[in-house]
Protein backbone atom coordinates (compact mmCIF):
# COMPACT_ATOMS: atom_id res chain seq x y z
CA MET A 1 0.06 0.11 -0.02
CA LYS A 2 1.40 3.63 -0.72
CA ASN A 3 0.77 6.33 1.63
CA ILE A 4 -0.42 9.66 0.56
CA LEU A 5 -0.24 12.90 2.59
CA ILE A 6 -2.95 15.29 1.69
CA VAL A 7 -2.15 19.04 2.87
CA ASP A 8 -4.91 21.47 2.51
CA ASP A 9 -6.71 23.91 5.12
CA GLU A 10 -10.22 23.05 3.54
CA ILE A 11 -11.92 20.33 5.50
CA LYS A 12 -14.15 19.46 2.82
CA ILE A 13 -11.57 18.82 0.25
CA VAL A 14 -9.58 16.92 2.36
CA GLU A 15 -12.50 14.56 3.29
CA PHE A 16 -13.53 14.42 -0.55
CA LEU A 17 -10.01 13.12 -1.51
CA GLU A 18 -9.43 11.09 1.31
CA ALA A 19 -12.71 9.24 0.40
CA PHE A 20 -11.73 8.96 -3.38
CA LEU A 21 -8.28 7.74 -2.32
CA LYS A 22 -9.32 5.17 0.07
CA ILE A 23 -11.61 3.46 -2.57
CA GLU A 24 -8.01 3.20 -4.33
CA ASN A 25 -6.50 1.57 -1.55
CA TYR A 26 -4.18 4.28 -0.58
CA GLY A 27 -3.29 4.87 2.81
CA ILE A 28 -4.18 8.42 3.80
CA PHE A 29 -2.57 10.97 6.04
CA LYS A 30 -3.99 14.37 6.60
CA ALA A 31 -2.66 17.86 7.58
CA TYR A 32 -4.30 21.28 7.61
CA ASP A 33 -1.34 23.46 7.83
CA GLY A 34 2.18 23.65 6.69
CA ILE A 35 3.71 22.93 10.02
CA GLU A 36 1.52 19.79 10.72
CA ALA A 37 2.43 18.62 7.32
CA LEU A 38 6.39 18.81 7.70
CA GLU A 39 5.72 16.95 11.17
CA ILE A 40 3.77 14.29 9.67
CA PHE A 41 6.17 13.90 6.75
CA GLU A 42 8.86 13.26 9.31
CA LYS A 43 7.36 10.49 11.22
CA GLU A 44 5.43 8.77 8.35
CA GLU A 45 6.54 6.56 5.26
CA ILE A 46 4.96 8.97 2.60
CA HIS A 47 5.00 8.08 -0.94
CA LEU A 48 3.10 10.78 -2.31
CA VAL A 49 1.95 14.29 -1.15
CA ILE A 50 -0.99 16.48 -2.43
CA LEU A 51 0.10 20.02 -1.16
CA ASP A 52 -2.19 23.07 -1.16
CA LEU A 53 -0.33 26.36 -1.75
CA MET A 54 -2.30 28.70 0.57
CA LEU A 55 -1.98 27.26 3.87
CA PRO A 56 -1.93 28.66 7.32
CA LYS A 57 1.35 28.82 9.58
CA MET A 58 3.54 27.58 6.20
CA SER A 59 3.10 28.36 2.75
CA GLY A 60 2.74 25.38 0.47
CA GLU A 61 5.54 26.73 -1.50
CA LYS A 62 7.89 26.62 1.77
CA VAL A 63 6.57 23.06 2.56
CA CYS A 64 7.61 22.05 -0.79
CA LYS A 65 10.94 23.23 -0.72
CA LYS A 66 11.64 21.94 2.55
CA ILE A 67 10.26 18.35 1.55
CA ARG A 68 12.45 18.43 -1.44
CA SER A 69 15.39 19.57 0.40
CA LYS A 70 15.38 16.12 1.93
CA SER A 71 13.31 13.65 -0.29
CA ASP A 72 12.42 13.01 -3.56
CA VAL A 73 8.95 11.72 -2.89
CA PRO A 74 6.43 12.88 -5.92
CA ILE A 75 4.38 16.36 -4.96
CA ILE A 76 1.33 17.55 -6.60
CA MET A 77 0.66 20.90 -6.14
CA LEU A 78 -3.16 21.89 -5.72
CA SER A 79 -4.04 25.38 -6.05
CA ALA A 80 -6.51 28.05 -7.15
CA LYS A 81 -3.72 29.98 -8.72
CA VAL A 82 -4.18 29.46 -12.33
CA ASP A 83 -1.53 31.63 -14.06
CA GLU A 84 1.02 30.06 -15.75
CA GLU A 85 3.79 32.11 -13.98
CA ASN A 86 2.40 30.35 -10.86
CA LYS A 87 2.55 26.92 -12.51
CA VAL A 88 5.99 27.26 -13.70
CA GLU A 89 7.10 28.67 -10.46
CA GLY A 90 5.49 25.46 -8.57
CA LEU A 91 7.39 23.25 -11.02
CA ASP A 92 10.43 25.11 -10.56
CA ILE A 93 10.82 24.55 -6.81
CA GLY A 94 10.59 20.80 -7.25
CA ALA A 95 6.59 19.82 -7.56
CA ASP A 96 5.98 16.95 -10.40
CA ASP A 97 2.59 18.35 -10.93
CA TYR A 98 0.33 21.23 -10.78
CA VAL A 99 -3.44 20.87 -10.60
CA THR A 100 -5.69 23.95 -10.47
CA LYS A 101 -9.08 24.31 -8.26
CA PRO A 102 -11.73 23.41 -8.75
CA PHE A 103 -10.45 20.07 -10.11
CA SER A 104 -11.91 16.65 -11.12
CA ALA A 105 -11.29 14.08 -8.27
CA LYS A 106 -11.31 11.33 -11.02
CA GLU A 107 -8.81 13.27 -12.99
CA LEU A 108 -6.58 13.93 -9.92
CA VAL A 109 -6.70 10.08 -8.67
CA SER A 110 -5.65 9.14 -12.32
CA ARG A 111 -2.60 11.58 -12.16
CA ILE A 112 -1.66 10.12 -8.76
CA ALA A 113 -2.01 6.87 -10.09
CA ALA A 114 0.16 7.49 -13.19
CA ILE A 115 2.88 9.23 -11.04
CA ILE A 116 3.14 6.39 -8.34
CA ARG A 117 3.33 3.98 -11.18
CA ARG A 118 6.06 5.70 -12.81
CA THR A 119 7.97 6.49 -9.78
CA TYR A 120 7.88 3.05 -8.06
CA LYS A 121 8.13 0.91 -10.80
CA GLU A 122 11.92 1.76 -10.73
CA GLU A 123 12.17 -0.57 -7.27
CA ASN A 124 11.93 -3.62 -9.38
CA LEU A 125 14.59 -2.53 -12.32
CA GLN A 126 18.06 -4.95 -12.29
CA ALA A 127 21.27 -2.95 -11.51
CA GLU A 128 22.09 -0.41 -14.31
CA LYS A 129 24.42 2.49 -13.98
CA PHE A 130 26.10 4.97 -16.41
CA VAL A 131 29.14 6.44 -15.73
CA PHE A 132 30.38 9.51 -18.02
CA ASN A 133 33.33 11.58 -18.32
CA ASP A 134 35.59 9.29 -16.23
CA GLY A 135 33.22 9.49 -13.21
CA ASP A 136 32.11 13.06 -13.45
CA LEU A 137 28.43 12.19 -13.74
CA GLU A 138 27.31 8.47 -12.35
CA VAL A 139 23.34 7.61 -13.03
CA ASN A 140 21.90 4.44 -11.37
CA LEU A 141 18.87 3.36 -12.52
CA LYS A 142 18.22 0.84 -9.89
CA GLN A 143 19.01 2.74 -7.01
CA ILE A 144 17.52 6.03 -8.73
CA SER A 145 20.74 8.14 -8.01
CA VAL A 146 22.42 10.74 -9.63
CA ILE A 147 26.18 11.60 -8.53
CA LYS A 148 28.31 14.58 -9.59
CA LYS A 149 31.85 14.61 -8.67
CA GLY A 150 31.39 12.09 -6.23
CA ILE A 151 28.63 13.67 -4.62
CA LYS A 152 24.98 12.29 -4.44
CA ILE A 153 22.61 15.04 -5.66
CA LYS A 154 19.14 15.97 -5.15
CA ILE A 155 16.73 15.18 -7.99
CA THR A 156 13.14 14.87 -8.33
CA PRO A 157 11.26 11.80 -9.77
CA SER A 158 10.18 13.61 -13.05
CA GLU A 159 13.61 14.98 -13.18
CA PHE A 160 15.22 11.48 -12.83
CA LYS A 161 12.73 10.18 -15.58
CA ILE A 162 13.58 12.88 -17.97
CA LEU A 163 17.18 12.22 -17.58
CA LYS A 164 16.93 8.48 -17.70
CA VAL A 165 15.03 8.79 -21.23
CA LEU A 166 17.43 11.00 -22.54
CA ILE A 167 20.29 8.89 -21.56
CA SER A 168 18.43 5.77 -22.94
CA ASN A 169 18.43 7.63 -26.14
CA ARG A 170 21.68 9.20 -26.00
CA GLY A 171 22.96 10.70 -29.43
CA ARG A 172 19.27 11.34 -30.28
CA ILE A 173 17.19 14.16 -30.76
CA LEU A 174 14.01 13.91 -28.69
CA SER A 175 11.34 16.66 -29.24
CA ARG A 176 9.25 18.04 -26.27
CA ASP A 177 6.31 16.13 -27.10
CA LYS A 178 8.25 12.98 -27.27
CA LEU A 179 9.67 13.59 -24.11
CA VAL A 180 6.22 14.39 -22.60
CA GLU A 181 4.91 11.39 -23.78
CA LYS A 182 7.60 8.94 -22.49
CA VAL A 183 7.75 10.60 -19.29
CA PHE A 184 4.19 11.67 -18.29
CA GLY A 185 2.05 9.53 -20.73
CA ILE A 186 0.46 10.38 -23.85
CA ASP A 187 -2.53 11.90 -21.83
CA PHE A 188 -0.41 14.58 -20.16
CA ASP A 189 -2.00 17.83 -20.53
CA GLY A 190 0.24 20.34 -18.48
CA ILE A 191 1.38 23.28 -19.36
CA ASP A 192 3.98 23.69 -22.46
CA ARG A 193 6.66 24.82 -20.41
CA THR A 194 7.05 21.81 -17.97
CA ILE A 195 9.52 20.19 -20.15
CA ASP A 196 11.75 23.14 -20.44
CA VAL A 197 11.63 24.00 -16.66
CA HIS A 198 12.48 20.33 -15.59
CA ILE A 199 15.82 20.48 -18.04
CA MET A 200 16.68 23.70 -16.63
CA ASN A 201 16.45 22.25 -13.28
CA ILE A 202 18.34 19.14 -14.10
CA ARG A 203 21.04 21.23 -15.82
CA ARG A 204 21.64 23.16 -12.65
CA LYS A 205 22.25 19.99 -10.90
CA ILE A 206 24.51 18.23 -13.42
CA GLU A 207 26.49 20.50 -15.45
CA ASP A 208 29.37 22.38 -14.48
CA ASP A 209 28.25 25.60 -16.56
CA PRO A 210 24.17 25.11 -17.10
CA LYS A 211 24.50 27.98 -19.58
CA ASN A 212 26.74 26.03 -21.88
CA PRO A 213 25.80 22.52 -20.92
CA LYS A 214 27.52 19.52 -21.96
CA TYR A 215 25.61 16.89 -21.30
CA ILE A 216 21.73 17.80 -22.24
CA GLN A 217 21.95 20.05 -25.15
CA THR A 218 19.22 22.00 -26.84
CA VAL A 219 18.94 21.43 -30.52
CA TYR A 220 16.81 24.61 -31.69
CA GLY A 221 13.62 24.08 -33.11
CA MET A 222 13.61 20.14 -32.75
CA GLY A 223 13.99 19.53 -29.11
CA TYR A 224 16.70 18.06 -26.86
CA LYS A 225 19.60 15.30 -26.81
CA PHE A 226 21.97 13.81 -24.27
CA ASN A 227 25.53 14.18 -25.37
CA CYS A 228 28.10 12.18 -23.97
């Protein structure tokens, strides 16, 4: 059973989501403010977080940053903020998906199932490790880990999946649409800049000079490729 932490100060929304998710046999933990969310996250084994942005005591953005600083657990942001700028900011600080209110519970449950399926199927992979430039960069598919110059770096599940797809197709140009299809699924209807934001974050973590990347290169008008 996978455990989901629902964080929202609207009791009706929490109860509504809890009812739907229990039908799908998820374990549910509930928090109604940012501080309580972090306390639960520290004590319990959480596999996915549904996180509202406008929370008492501590904002959802701060909660996201604190969780992401210590864990790669998938985070779905839930917010009434509908501007693309807010969505991009949410992805930029570590969220894996961004859902606006009002939302369809059925659609949200489907997104949760897809993220959990993609994230935790890696547990069953056989050991496979890629090493680039004499150990400058190591990517272990079984351990879901990335090591840069001997130091393990924090990387979100979505970032890791993008990196895995690029490495598996190294030398080939992959369009944004193809990356979205391979990483998020053919039915993904997120914002157009999702891949660009994730790529930018990956480059900050694995490149010596993110503005002049040697691993993930942009092929203008076509997409991205992993160069090794």
